[in-house]
Amino acid sequence: MSDATSDRSETQPRTTTPGSRRFGSEGESSAGNSAFRVYILILFGLLGRAALHHNRFVKHVASEAFVLATHPLREKDRIVSFLTRDAGKKRGVARGARSPRSAFSGALEPMTEVRILYFEKEARELVSINSADVIRSSFPLSKPLDRALLLSTMAESLQTFVADSEPAESFYRLGRHAMDALFAGAPPDLVSTYFDVWILRLSGLFPNPAECAGCGRPLDASDPLLLDEARPGFVGGECRRGEVLRLSQGARETLLAILTAPLDPASRPARLAEIAEVTRRARRHFLGHELKSQRVLSDVLG
């Protein structure tokens, strides 16, 4: 190289001044990579926490259940009310349940027992029903009118007296016991009376026939069994206030049998109508009205 060229090279401006680094040099590349890694870690940390948050509040539940009622939702879906053994009463959306080829076809009749799979998200009123496989269909019982109406009455009573999302093992067993009796050929009036007495008793609403609701003294077999609807409860003669319903001795014996023994499909106890009147009055006192299905069933059974 000539001396002139050497002089020009020395006097031309440098691309970088002494001590500076070129863009993309090793130092700057290392800093950029570090920042990128930090960004990725933060991003995946946020996504991970979001996934954990989501999964923490979504429950997948499989349970035995009785179908209680359905209502149309939009064009193809249904809202289903059902009673589970462990989690009480639930309401959920069965998507596509109104479609002709729905997988839910035949599974959503009142008092049909199913194996239900649903997804529950915290703070959501409705669960999402994924499937409902029939354990025992109520359809064979729905052909005679009195039995079909009884199924609707049982379903409406469970829907009315069972609390939402609370354990309901005893109510579930009552429903299954009543259904077992119907399939075994028990007459509808016997099953209806037994079921009504016990659903009120499990709810704390059926009067105690062994104790006077007025003074608390025990009522023995020699005492007349008088229902004072105003209290409401059974009272001794000295505690009666105005008009009372007097149960016959036969009705008293039948009531005690209902309260102390399982339902026998072959039995034909006496005076069921008197006990049914007690349940009607106790139910009406608590609700302020009679259930619609109960009024229809009473008209049919007489």
C-alpha atoms as a PDB file:
ATOM      1  CA  MET A   1       0.000   0.000   0.000  1.00  0.00           C
ATOM      2  CA  SER A   2       1.333   3.514  -0.885  1.00  0.00           C
ATOM      3  CA  ASP A   3       2.029   6.108   1.735  1.00  0.00           C
ATOM      4  CA  ALA A   4      -0.805   8.290   0.334  1.00  0.00           C
ATOM      5  CA  THR A   5      -3.274   5.514   0.645  1.00  0.00           C
ATOM      6  CA  SER A   6      -2.064   4.839   4.131  1.00  0.00           C
ATOM      7  CA  ASP A   7      -2.542   8.462   5.098  1.00  0.00           C
ATOM      8  CA  ARG A   8      -6.103   8.544   3.707  1.00  0.00           C
ATOM      9  CA  SER A   9      -6.982   5.381   5.565  1.00  0.00           C
ATOM     10  CA  GLU A  10      -5.815   6.850   8.785  1.00  0.00           C
ATOM     11  CA  THR A  11      -7.700  10.139   8.276  1.00  0.00           C
ATOM     12  CA  GLN A  12     -11.120   8.642   7.128  1.00  0.00           C
ATOM     13  CA  PRO A  13     -13.844   8.537   9.778  1.00  0.00           C
ATOM     14  CA  ARG A  14     -14.176   5.170  11.500  1.00  0.00           C
ATOM     15  CA  THR A  15     -17.486   3.348  11.420  1.00  0.00           C
ATOM     16  CA  THR A  16     -17.234   3.030  15.176  1.00  0.00           C
ATOM     17  CA  THR A  17     -15.414   5.151  17.591  1.00  0.00           C
ATOM     18  CA  PRO A  18     -12.979   3.528  19.997  1.00  0.00           C
ATOM     19  CA  GLY A  19     -14.817   1.724  22.795  1.00  0.00           C
ATOM     20  CA  SER A  20     -18.110   1.494  20.895  1.00  0.00           C
ATOM     21  CA  ARG A  21     -19.739  -1.808  19.718  1.00  0.00           C
ATOM     22  CA  ARG A  22     -21.274  -2.539  16.393  1.00  0.00           C
ATOM     23  CA  PHE A  23     -24.998  -3.458  16.288  1.00  0.00           C
ATOM     24  CA  GLY A  24     -25.142  -7.210  16.395  1.00  0.00           C
ATOM     25  CA  SER A  25     -21.884  -7.530  18.076  1.00  0.00           C
ATOM     26  CA  GLU A  26     -21.408 -10.269  20.647  1.00  0.00           C
ATOM     27  CA  GLY A  27     -22.215  -8.089  23.679  1.00  0.00           C
ATOM     28  CA  GLU A  28     -25.389  -6.580  22.286  1.00  0.00           C
ATOM     29  CA  SER A  29     -26.601  -9.951  20.936  1.00  0.00           C
ATOM     30  CA  SER A  30     -26.168 -11.476  24.382  1.00  0.00           C
ATOM     31  CA  ALA A  31     -28.235  -8.689  26.007  1.00  0.00           C
ATOM     32  CA  GLY A  32     -30.992  -9.056  23.416  1.00  0.00           C
ATOM     33  CA  ASN A  33     -31.170 -12.805  23.903  1.00  0.00           C
ATOM     34  CA  SER A  34     -31.415 -12.346  27.652  1.00  0.00           C
ATOM     35  CA  ALA A  35     -34.296  -9.897  27.285  1.00  0.00           C
ATOM     36  CA  PHE A  36     -36.078 -12.285  24.926  1.00  0.00           C
ATOM     37  CA  ARG A  37     -35.668 -15.160  27.354  1.00  0.00           C
ATOM     38  CA  VAL A  38     -37.097 -13.051  30.155  1.00  0.00           C
ATOM     39  CA  TYR A  39     -40.087 -12.150  27.971  1.00  0.00           C
ATOM     40  CA  ILE A  40     -40.745 -15.803  27.130  1.00  0.00           C
ATOM     41  CA  LEU A  41     -40.534 -16.835  30.774  1.00  0.00           C
ATOM     42  CA  ILE A  42     -42.971 -14.110  31.797  1.00  0.00           C
ATOM     43  CA  LEU A  43     -45.357 -15.048  28.985  1.00  0.00           C
ATOM     44  CA  PHE A  44     -45.384 -18.750  29.830  1.00  0.00           C
ATOM     45  CA  GLY A  45     -45.660 -17.961  33.518  1.00  0.00           C
ATOM     46  CA  LEU A  46     -48.808 -15.930  32.917  1.00  0.00           C
ATOM     47  CA  LEU A  47     -50.270 -18.609  30.653  1.00  0.00           C
ATOM     48  CA  GLY A  48     -49.469 -21.288  33.198  1.00  0.00           C
ATOM     49  CA  ARG A  49     -51.122 -19.369  36.001  1.00  0.00           C
ATOM     50  CA  ALA A  50     -54.170 -18.758  33.811  1.00  0.00           C
ATOM     51  CA  ALA A  51     -54.415 -22.465  33.027  1.00  0.00           C
ATOM     52  CA  LEU A  52     -54.091 -23.376  36.694  1.00  0.00           C
ATOM     53  CA  HIS A  53     -56.719 -20.778  37.591  1.00  0.00           C
ATOM     54  CA  HIS A  54     -59.076 -22.184  34.961  1.00  0.00           C
ATOM     55  CA  ASN A  55     -58.623 -25.803  35.953  1.00  0.00           C
ATOM     56  CA  ARG A  56     -58.949 -25.032  39.648  1.00  0.00           C
ATOM     57  CA  PHE A  57     -62.550 -23.886  39.250  1.00  0.00           C
ATOM     58  CA  VAL A  58     -63.829 -26.453  36.730  1.00  0.00           C
ATOM     59  CA  LYS A  59     -65.025 -29.812  38.082  1.00  0.00           C
ATOM     60  CA  HIS A  60     -65.738 -32.888  35.986  1.00  0.00           C
ATOM     61  CA  VAL A  61     -68.401 -34.929  37.801  1.00  0.00           C
ATOM     62  CA  ALA A  62     -69.881 -38.357  37.088  1.00  0.00           C
ATOM     63  CA  SER A  63     -72.862 -39.321  39.225  1.00  0.00           C
ATOM     64  CA  GLU A  64     -76.070 -41.306  39.380  1.00  0.00           C
ATOM     65  CA  ALA A  65     -79.065 -39.001  39.048  1.00  0.00           C
ATOM     66  CA  PHE A  66     -82.836 -38.822  38.701  1.00  0.00           C
ATOM     67  CA  VAL A  67     -84.122 -36.531  35.974  1.00  0.00           C
ATOM     68  CA  LEU A  68     -86.684 -34.128  37.474  1.00  0.00           C
ATOM     69  CA  ALA A  69     -87.705 -31.716  34.725  1.00  0.00           C
ATOM     70  CA  THR A  70     -86.632 -30.221  31.402  1.00  0.00           C
ATOM     71  CA  HIS A  71     -87.280 -26.883  29.712  1.00  0.00           C
ATOM     72  CA  PRO A  72     -86.534 -25.831  26.122  1.00  0.00           C
ATOM     73  CA  LEU A  73     -83.540 -23.592  25.544  1.00  0.00           C
ATOM     74  CA  ARG A  74     -83.014 -21.992  22.157  1.00  0.00           C
ATOM     75  CA  GLU A  75     -83.668 -24.139  19.101  1.00  0.00           C
ATOM     76  CA  LYS A  76     -81.896 -27.386  19.952  1.00  0.00           C
ATOM     77  CA  ASP A  77     -80.976 -27.370  23.657  1.00  0.00           C
ATOM     78  CA  ARG A  78     -82.685 -28.118  26.956  1.00  0.00           C
ATOM     79  CA  ILE A  79     -82.213 -27.047  30.546  1.00  0.00           C
ATOM     80  CA  VAL A  80     -82.353 -30.162  32.722  1.00  0.00           C
ATOM     81  CA  SER A  81     -83.049 -30.277  36.456  1.00  0.00           C
ATOM     82  CA  PHE A  82     -81.694 -33.440  38.071  1.00  0.00           C
ATOM     83  CA  LEU A  83     -81.102 -34.910  41.519  1.00  0.00           C
ATOM     84  CA  THR A  84     -77.704 -36.423  42.269  1.00  0.00           C
ATOM     85  CA  ARG A  85     -76.866 -38.715  45.122  1.00  0.00           C
ATOM     86  CA  ASP A  86     -73.858 -36.725  46.378  1.00  0.00           C
ATOM     87  CA  ALA A  87     -74.371 -33.127  45.249  1.00  0.00           C
ATOM     88  CA  GLY A  88     -78.119 -32.658  45.582  1.00  0.00           C
ATOM     89  CA  LYS A  89     -80.161 -30.874  42.971  1.00  0.00           C
ATOM     90  CA  LYS A  90     -78.476 -29.436  39.883  1.00  0.00           C
ATOM     91  CA  ARG A  91     -79.518 -27.609  36.725  1.00  0.00           C
ATOM     92  CA  GLY A  92     -77.586 -27.842  33.504  1.00  0.00           C
ATOM     93  CA  VAL A  93     -77.651 -27.394  29.746  1.00  0.00           C
ATOM     94  CA  ALA A  94     -77.948 -30.470  27.536  1.00  0.00           C
ATOM     95  CA  ARG A  95     -76.804 -29.207  24.159  1.00  0.00           C
ATOM     96  CA  GLY A  96     -78.605 -30.683  21.179  1.00  0.00           C
ATOM     97  CA  ALA A  97     -81.138 -32.481  23.415  1.00  0.00           C
ATOM     98  CA  ARG A  98     -84.064 -31.290  21.258  1.00  0.00           C
ATOM     99  CA  SER A  99     -82.545 -32.612  18.040  1.00  0.00           C
ATOM    100  CA  PRO A 100     -84.240 -35.712  16.547  1.00  0.00           C
ATOM    101  CA  ARG A 101     -81.022 -37.747  16.696  1.00  0.00           C
ATOM    102  CA  SER A 102     -79.839 -36.461  20.048  1.00  0.00           C
ATOM    103  CA  ALA A 103     -77.726 -38.711  22.248  1.00  0.00           C
ATOM    104  CA  PHE A 104     -80.047 -37.652  25.107  1.00  0.00           C
ATOM    105  CA  SER A 105     -83.101 -39.185  23.431  1.00  0.00           C
ATOM    106  CA  GLY A 106     -85.118 -41.249  25.941  1.00  0.00           C
ATOM    107  CA  ALA A 107     -82.899 -40.273  28.855  1.00  0.00           C
ATOM    108  CA  LEU A 108     -84.615 -37.105  30.073  1.00  0.00           C
ATOM    109  CA  GLU A 109     -88.059 -38.346  31.173  1.00  0.00           C
ATOM    110  CA  PRO A 110     -89.183 -37.535  34.751  1.00  0.00           C
ATOM    111  CA  MET A 111     -87.766 -40.000  37.305  1.00  0.00           C
ATOM    112  CA  THR A 112     -85.587 -41.803  34.767  1.00  0.00           C
ATOM    113  CA  GLU A 113     -82.389 -42.799  36.540  1.00  0.00           C
ATOM    114  CA  VAL A 114     -79.230 -42.016  34.606  1.00  0.00           C
ATOM    115  CA  ARG A 115     -75.470 -42.011  34.867  1.00  0.00           C
ATOM    116  CA  ILE A 116     -74.731 -38.364  34.180  1.00  0.00           C
ATOM    117  CA  LEU A 117     -71.452 -36.663  33.310  1.00  0.00           C
ATOM    118  CA  TYR A 118     -71.345 -32.892  33.739  1.00  0.00           C
ATOM    119  CA  PHE A 119     -68.860 -30.054  33.980  1.00  0.00           C
ATOM    120  CA  GLU A 120     -69.301 -27.457  36.710  1.00  0.00           C
ATOM    121  CA  LYS A 121     -67.606 -24.087  36.820  1.00  0.00           C
ATOM    122  CA  GLU A 122     -67.528 -22.071  40.019  1.00  0.00           C
ATOM    123  CA  ALA A 123     -69.999 -19.162  40.209  1.00  0.00           C
ATOM    124  CA  ARG A 124     -71.986 -20.521  37.252  1.00  0.00           C
ATOM    125  CA  GLU A 125     -75.633 -21.376  37.962  1.00  0.00           C
ATOM    126  CA  LEU A 126     -75.900 -23.924  35.146  1.00  0.00           C
ATOM    127  CA  VAL A 127     -73.589 -26.866  34.638  1.00  0.00           C
ATOM    128  CA  SER A 128     -72.774 -28.284  31.223  1.00  0.00           C
ATOM    129  CA  ILE A 129     -74.131 -31.811  30.708  1.00  0.00           C
ATOM    130  CA  ASN A 130     -71.904 -33.965  28.554  1.00  0.00           C
ATOM    131  CA  SER A 131     -73.844 -37.245  28.636  1.00  0.00           C
ATOM    132  CA  ALA A 132     -76.684 -39.085  30.370  1.00  0.00           C
ATOM    133  CA  ASP A 133     -76.712 -42.874  30.091  1.00  0.00           C
ATOM    134  CA  VAL A 134     -79.929 -44.585  31.177  1.00  0.00           C
ATOM    135  CA  ILE A 135     -79.702 -46.847  34.233  1.00  0.00           C
ATOM    136  CA  ARG A 136     -83.455 -47.429  34.481  1.00  0.00           C
ATOM    137  CA  SER A 137     -86.028 -45.692  32.319  1.00  0.00           C
ATOM    138  CA  SER A 138     -89.333 -44.560  33.796  1.00  0.00           C
ATOM    139  CA  PHE A 139     -91.027 -45.000  30.417  1.00  0.00           C
ATOM    140  CA  PRO A 140     -92.541 -48.454  31.186  1.00  0.00           C
ATOM    141  CA  LEU A 141     -94.394 -46.868  34.120  1.00  0.00           C
ATOM    142  CA  SER A 142     -95.744 -43.926  32.117  1.00  0.00           C
ATOM    143  CA  LYS A 143     -98.435 -45.728  30.141  1.00  0.00           C
ATOM    144  CA  PRO A 144    -101.146 -45.952  32.848  1.00  0.00           C
ATOM    145  CA  LEU A 145    -102.327 -42.391  33.552  1.00  0.00           C
ATOM    146  CA  ASP A 146    -102.217 -42.677  37.351  1.00  0.00           C
ATOM    147  CA  ARG A 147     -98.617 -43.889  37.324  1.00  0.00           C
ATOM    148  CA  ALA A 148     -97.546 -41.273  34.777  1.00  0.00           C
ATOM    149  CA  LEU A 149     -99.010 -38.529  36.975  1.00  0.00           C
ATOM    150  CA  LEU A 150     -97.344 -40.017  40.050  1.00  0.00           C
ATOM    151  CA  LEU A 151     -93.944 -39.829  38.326  1.00  0.00           C
ATOM    152  CA  SER A 152     -94.523 -36.124  37.640  1.00  0.00           C
ATOM    153  CA  THR A 153     -95.628 -35.578  41.234  1.00  0.00           C
ATOM    154  CA  MET A 154     -92.563 -37.273  42.682  1.00  0.00           C
ATOM    155  CA  ALA A 155     -90.273 -35.285  40.397  1.00  0.00           C
ATOM    156  CA  GLU A 156     -91.948 -31.970  41.276  1.00  0.00           C
ATOM    157  CA  SER A 157     -91.802 -32.751  44.996  1.00  0.00           C
ATOM    158  CA  LEU A 158     -88.084 -33.524  44.839  1.00  0.00           C
ATOM    159  CA  GLN A 159     -87.491 -30.364  42.870  1.00  0.00           C
ATOM    160  CA  THR A 160     -89.420 -28.354  45.468  1.00  0.00           C
ATOM    161  CA  PHE A 161     -88.080 -29.776  48.730  1.00  0.00           C
ATOM    162  CA  VAL A 162     -84.450 -30.660  47.936  1.00  0.00           C
ATOM    163  CA  ALA A 163     -81.952 -27.820  48.295  1.00  0.00           C
ATOM    164  CA  ASP A 164     -79.616 -26.912  45.454  1.00  0.00           C
ATOM    165  CA  SER A 165     -76.091 -28.357  45.527  1.00  0.00           C
ATOM    166  CA  GLU A 166     -76.369 -29.940  48.988  1.00  0.00           C
ATOM    167  CA  PRO A 167     -75.875 -33.650  49.733  1.00  0.00           C
ATOM    168  CA  ALA A 168     -79.192 -35.465  49.255  1.00  0.00           C
ATOM    169  CA  GLU A 169     -78.452 -39.132  49.893  1.00  0.00           C
ATOM    170  CA  SER A 170     -81.670 -39.696  51.879  1.00  0.00           C
ATOM    171  CA  PHE A 171     -83.865 -38.037  49.234  1.00  0.00           C
ATOM    172  CA  TYR A 172     -82.170 -40.033  46.495  1.00  0.00           C
ATOM    173  CA  ARG A 173     -82.763 -43.295  48.372  1.00  0.00           C
ATOM    174  CA  LEU A 174     -86.412 -42.336  48.853  1.00  0.00           C
ATOM    175  CA  GLY A 175     -86.819 -41.791  45.115  1.00  0.00           C
ATOM    176  CA  ARG A 176     -85.214 -45.128  44.298  1.00  0.00           C
ATOM    177  CA  HIS A 177     -87.257 -46.938  46.975  1.00  0.00           C
ATOM    178  CA  ALA A 178     -90.494 -45.540  45.537  1.00  0.00           C
ATOM    179  CA  MET A 179     -89.467 -46.440  41.985  1.00  0.00           C
ATOM    180  CA  ASP A 180     -88.551 -49.978  43.079  1.00  0.00           C
ATOM    181  CA  ALA A 181     -92.017 -50.358  44.585  1.00  0.00           C
ATOM    182  CA  LEU A 182     -93.740 -49.120  41.418  1.00  0.00           C
ATOM    183  CA  PHE A 183     -91.763 -51.540  39.243  1.00  0.00           C
ATOM    184  CA  ALA A 184     -92.692 -54.304  41.697  1.00  0.00           C
ATOM    185  CA  GLY A 185     -96.393 -53.579  41.158  1.00  0.00           C
ATOM    186  CA  ALA A 186     -97.292 -51.468  44.214  1.00  0.00           C
ATOM    187  CA  PRO A 187    -100.514 -49.446  43.739  1.00  0.00           C
ATOM    188  CA  PRO A 188    -100.021 -45.722  43.033  1.00  0.00           C
ATOM    189  CA  ASP A 189    -101.998 -44.528  46.071  1.00  0.00           C
ATOM    190  CA  LEU A 190     -99.740 -46.542  48.426  1.00  0.00           C
ATOM    191  CA  VAL A 191     -96.525 -45.279  46.806  1.00  0.00           C
ATOM    192  CA  SER A 192     -97.834 -41.710  46.676  1.00  0.00           C
ATOM    193  CA  THR A 193     -98.766 -41.668  50.373  1.00  0.00           C
ATOM    194  CA  TYR A 194     -95.514 -43.285  51.483  1.00  0.00           C
ATOM    195  CA  PHE A 195     -93.437 -40.930  49.336  1.00  0.00           C
ATOM    196  CA  ASP A 196     -95.305 -37.806  50.506  1.00  0.00           C
ATOM    197  CA  VAL A 197     -94.980 -38.704  54.193  1.00  0.00           C
ATOM    198  CA  TRP A 198     -91.262 -39.332  53.887  1.00  0.00           C
ATOM    199  CA  ILE A 199     -90.300 -36.365  51.739  1.00  0.00           C
ATOM    200  CA  LEU A 200     -92.014 -34.098  54.285  1.00  0.00           C
ATOM    201  CA  ARG A 201     -90.346 -35.914  57.161  1.00  0.00           C
ATOM    202  CA  LEU A 202     -86.895 -35.641  55.564  1.00  0.00           C
ATOM    203  CA  SER A 203     -87.577 -31.924  55.102  1.00  0.00           C
ATOM    204  CA  GLY A 204     -88.549 -31.551  58.777  1.00  0.00           C
ATOM    205  CA  LEU A 205     -92.150 -30.708  57.890  1.00  0.00           C
ATOM    206  CA  PHE A 206     -94.171 -33.814  58.817  1.00  0.00           C
ATOM    207  CA  PRO A 207     -95.820 -33.590  62.238  1.00  0.00           C
ATOM    208  CA  ASN A 208     -94.620 -35.994  64.902  1.00  0.00           C
ATOM    209  CA  PRO A 209     -97.438 -38.433  65.797  1.00  0.00           C
ATOM    210  CA  ALA A 210     -95.700 -39.387  69.046  1.00  0.00           C
ATOM    211  CA  GLU A 211     -95.643 -35.924  70.640  1.00  0.00           C
ATOM    212  CA  CYS A 212     -98.231 -33.214  71.298  1.00  0.00           C
ATOM    213  CA  ALA A 213     -97.364 -30.096  69.300  1.00  0.00           C
ATOM    214  CA  GLY A 214     -99.023 -27.986  71.979  1.00  0.00           C
ATOM    215  CA  CYS A 215     -97.412 -29.062  75.246  1.00  0.00           C
ATOM    216  CA  GLY A 216     -94.749 -31.529  74.134  1.00  0.00           C
ATOM    217  CA  ARG A 217     -96.029 -34.477  76.151  1.00  0.00           C
ATOM    218  CA  PRO A 218     -95.890 -37.952  74.567  1.00  0.00           C
ATOM    219  CA  LEU A 219     -99.040 -39.101  72.775  1.00  0.00           C
ATOM    220  CA  ASP A 220     -99.828 -42.737  73.558  1.00  0.00           C
ATOM    221  CA  ALA A 221    -102.116 -45.181  71.805  1.00  0.00           C
ATOM    222  CA  SER A 222    -105.085 -44.225  73.991  1.00  0.00           C
ATOM    223  CA  ASP A 223    -104.948 -40.593  72.862  1.00  0.00           C
ATOM    224  CA  PRO A 224    -106.945 -39.601  69.781  1.00  0.00           C
ATOM    225  CA  LEU A 225    -104.655 -38.462  66.952  1.00  0.00           C
ATOM    226  CA  LEU A 226    -105.777 -34.940  66.155  1.00  0.00           C
ATOM    227  CA  LEU A 227    -104.109 -32.786  63.498  1.00  0.00           C
ATOM    228  CA  ASP A 228    -104.172 -29.079  64.325  1.00  0.00           C
ATOM    229  CA  GLU A 229    -103.390 -27.463  60.977  1.00  0.00           C
ATOM    230  CA  ALA A 230    -102.777 -24.052  62.539  1.00  0.00           C
ATOM    231  CA  ARG A 231     -99.693 -25.247  64.444  1.00  0.00           C
ATOM    232  CA  PRO A 232     -99.303 -27.556  62.398  1.00  0.00           C
ATOM    233  CA  GLY A 233     -98.996 -30.792  64.350  1.00  0.00           C
ATOM    234  CA  PHE A 234    -100.755 -33.560  66.215  1.00  0.00           C
ATOM    235  CA  VAL A 235    -102.164 -32.513  69.573  1.00  0.00           C
ATOM    236  CA  GLY A 236    -103.836 -34.027  72.571  1.00  0.00           C
ATOM    237  CA  GLY A 237    -107.458 -33.178  73.346  1.00  0.00           C
ATOM    238  CA  GLU A 238    -106.506 -30.564  75.948  1.00  0.00           C
ATOM    239  CA  CYS A 239    -104.338 -28.630  73.441  1.00  0.00           C
ATOM    240  CA  ARG A 240    -106.708 -28.489  70.498  1.00  0.00           C
ATOM    241  CA  ARG A 241    -107.547 -25.018  69.208  1.00  0.00           C
ATOM    242  CA  GLY A 242    -110.639 -24.913  67.073  1.00  0.00           C
ATOM    243  CA  GLU A 243    -111.172 -27.324  64.178  1.00  0.00           C
ATOM    244  CA  VAL A 244    -108.901 -30.379  63.909  1.00  0.00           C
ATOM    245  CA  LEU A 245    -108.601 -33.407  61.635  1.00  0.00           C
ATOM    246  CA  ARG A 246    -109.180 -36.619  63.596  1.00  0.00           C
ATOM    247  CA  LEU A 247    -107.439 -39.748  62.318  1.00  0.00           C
ATOM    248  CA  SER A 248    -109.097 -43.121  62.736  1.00  0.00           C
ATOM    249  CA  GLN A 249    -107.331 -45.933  64.553  1.00  0.00           C
ATOM    250  CA  GLY A 250    -106.715 -47.680  61.233  1.00  0.00           C
ATOM    251  CA  ALA A 251    -105.084 -44.570  59.779  1.00  0.00           C
ATOM    252  CA  ARG A 252    -102.948 -44.232  62.892  1.00  0.00           C
ATOM    253  CA  GLU A 253    -101.671 -47.795  62.558  1.00  0.00           C
ATOM    254  CA  THR A 254    -100.943 -47.317  58.855  1.00  0.00           C
ATOM    255  CA  LEU A 255     -99.070 -44.082  59.530  1.00  0.00           C
ATOM    256  CA  LEU A 256     -96.898 -45.714  62.202  1.00  0.00           C
ATOM    257  CA  ALA A 257     -96.136 -48.571  59.782  1.00  0.00           C
ATOM    258  CA  ILE A 258     -95.100 -46.097  57.069  1.00  0.00           C
ATOM    259  CA  LEU A 259     -92.782 -44.312  59.500  1.00  0.00           C
ATOM    260  CA  THR A 260     -91.139 -47.448  60.856  1.00  0.00           C
ATOM    261  CA  ALA A 261     -90.934 -49.966  57.989  1.00  0.00           C
ATOM    262  CA  PRO A 262     -89.897 -50.096  54.325  1.00  0.00           C
ATOM    263  CA  LEU A 263     -92.552 -49.892  51.656  1.00  0.00           C
ATOM    264  CA  ASP A 264     -93.972 -53.350  50.945  1.00  0.00           C
ATOM    265  CA  PRO A 265     -95.364 -53.488  47.371  1.00  0.00           C
ATOM    266  CA  ALA A 266     -97.649 -56.378  48.322  1.00  0.00           C
ATOM    267  CA  SER A 267     -99.274 -54.619  51.274  1.00  0.00           C
ATOM    268  CA  ARG A 268    -102.695 -52.984  51.051  1.00  0.00           C
ATOM    269  CA  PRO A 269    -102.949 -50.838  54.194  1.00  0.00           C
ATOM    270  CA  ALA A 270    -106.179 -49.198  55.273  1.00  0.00           C
ATOM    271  CA  ARG A 271    -107.093 -45.513  55.463  1.00  0.00           C
ATOM    272  CA  LEU A 272    -104.481 -44.158  53.065  1.00  0.00           C
ATOM    273  CA  ALA A 273    -106.776 -41.271  52.124  1.00  0.00           C
ATOM    274  CA  GLU A 274    -106.703 -39.936  55.707  1.00  0.00           C
ATOM    275  CA  ILE A 275    -102.902 -39.899  55.746  1.00  0.00           C
ATOM    276  CA  ALA A 276    -102.825 -38.297  52.298  1.00  0.00           C
ATOM    277  CA  GLU A 277    -104.979 -35.502  53.713  1.00  0.00           C
ATOM    278  CA  VAL A 278    -102.424 -34.952  56.501  1.00  0.00           C
ATOM    279  CA  THR A 279     -99.633 -34.613  53.925  1.00  0.00           C
ATOM    280  CA  ARG A 280    -101.714 -32.198  51.828  1.00  0.00           C
ATOM    281  CA  ARG A 281    -102.352 -29.932  54.798  1.00  0.00           C
ATOM    282  CA  ALA A 282     -98.725 -30.005  55.979  1.00  0.00           C
ATOM    283  CA  ARG A 283     -97.482 -29.273  52.473  1.00  0.00           C
ATOM    284  CA  ARG A 284     -99.949 -26.459  51.907  1.00  0.00           C
ATOM    285  CA  HIS A 285     -99.119 -24.919  55.300  1.00  0.00           C
ATOM    286  CA  PHE A 286     -95.425 -24.759  54.383  1.00  0.00           C
ATOM    287  CA  LEU A 287     -95.713 -23.703  50.720  1.00  0.00           C
ATOM    288  CA  GLY A 288     -98.812 -21.538  50.970  1.00  0.00           C
ATOM    289  CA  HIS A 289    -100.314 -23.463  48.029  1.00  0.00           C
ATOM    290  CA  GLU A 290    -100.594 -26.969  46.671  1.00  0.00           C
ATOM    291  CA  LEU A 291     -98.270 -28.333  44.010  1.00  0.00           C
ATOM    292  CA  LYS A 292     -99.859 -28.386  40.568  1.00  0.00           C
ATOM    293  CA  SER A 293     -99.063 -32.041  39.935  1.00  0.00           C
ATOM    294  CA  GLN A 294    -100.500 -32.975  43.343  1.00  0.00           C
ATOM    295  CA  ARG A 295    -103.827 -31.351  42.489  1.00  0.00           C
ATOM    296  CA  VAL A 296    -104.065 -33.287  39.222  1.00  0.00           C
ATOM    297  CA  LEU A 297    -103.043 -36.592  40.849  1.00  0.00           C
ATOM    298  CA  SER A 298    -105.603 -36.130  43.646  1.00  0.00           C
ATOM    299  CA  ASP A 299    -108.348 -35.649  41.069  1.00  0.00           C
ATOM    300  CA  VAL A 300    -107.330 -38.839  39.262  1.00  0.00           C
ATOM    301  CA  LEU A 301    -106.850 -41.024  42.358  1.00  0.00           C
ATOM    302  CA  GLY A 302    -109.982 -39.608  43.958  1.00  0.00           C
END
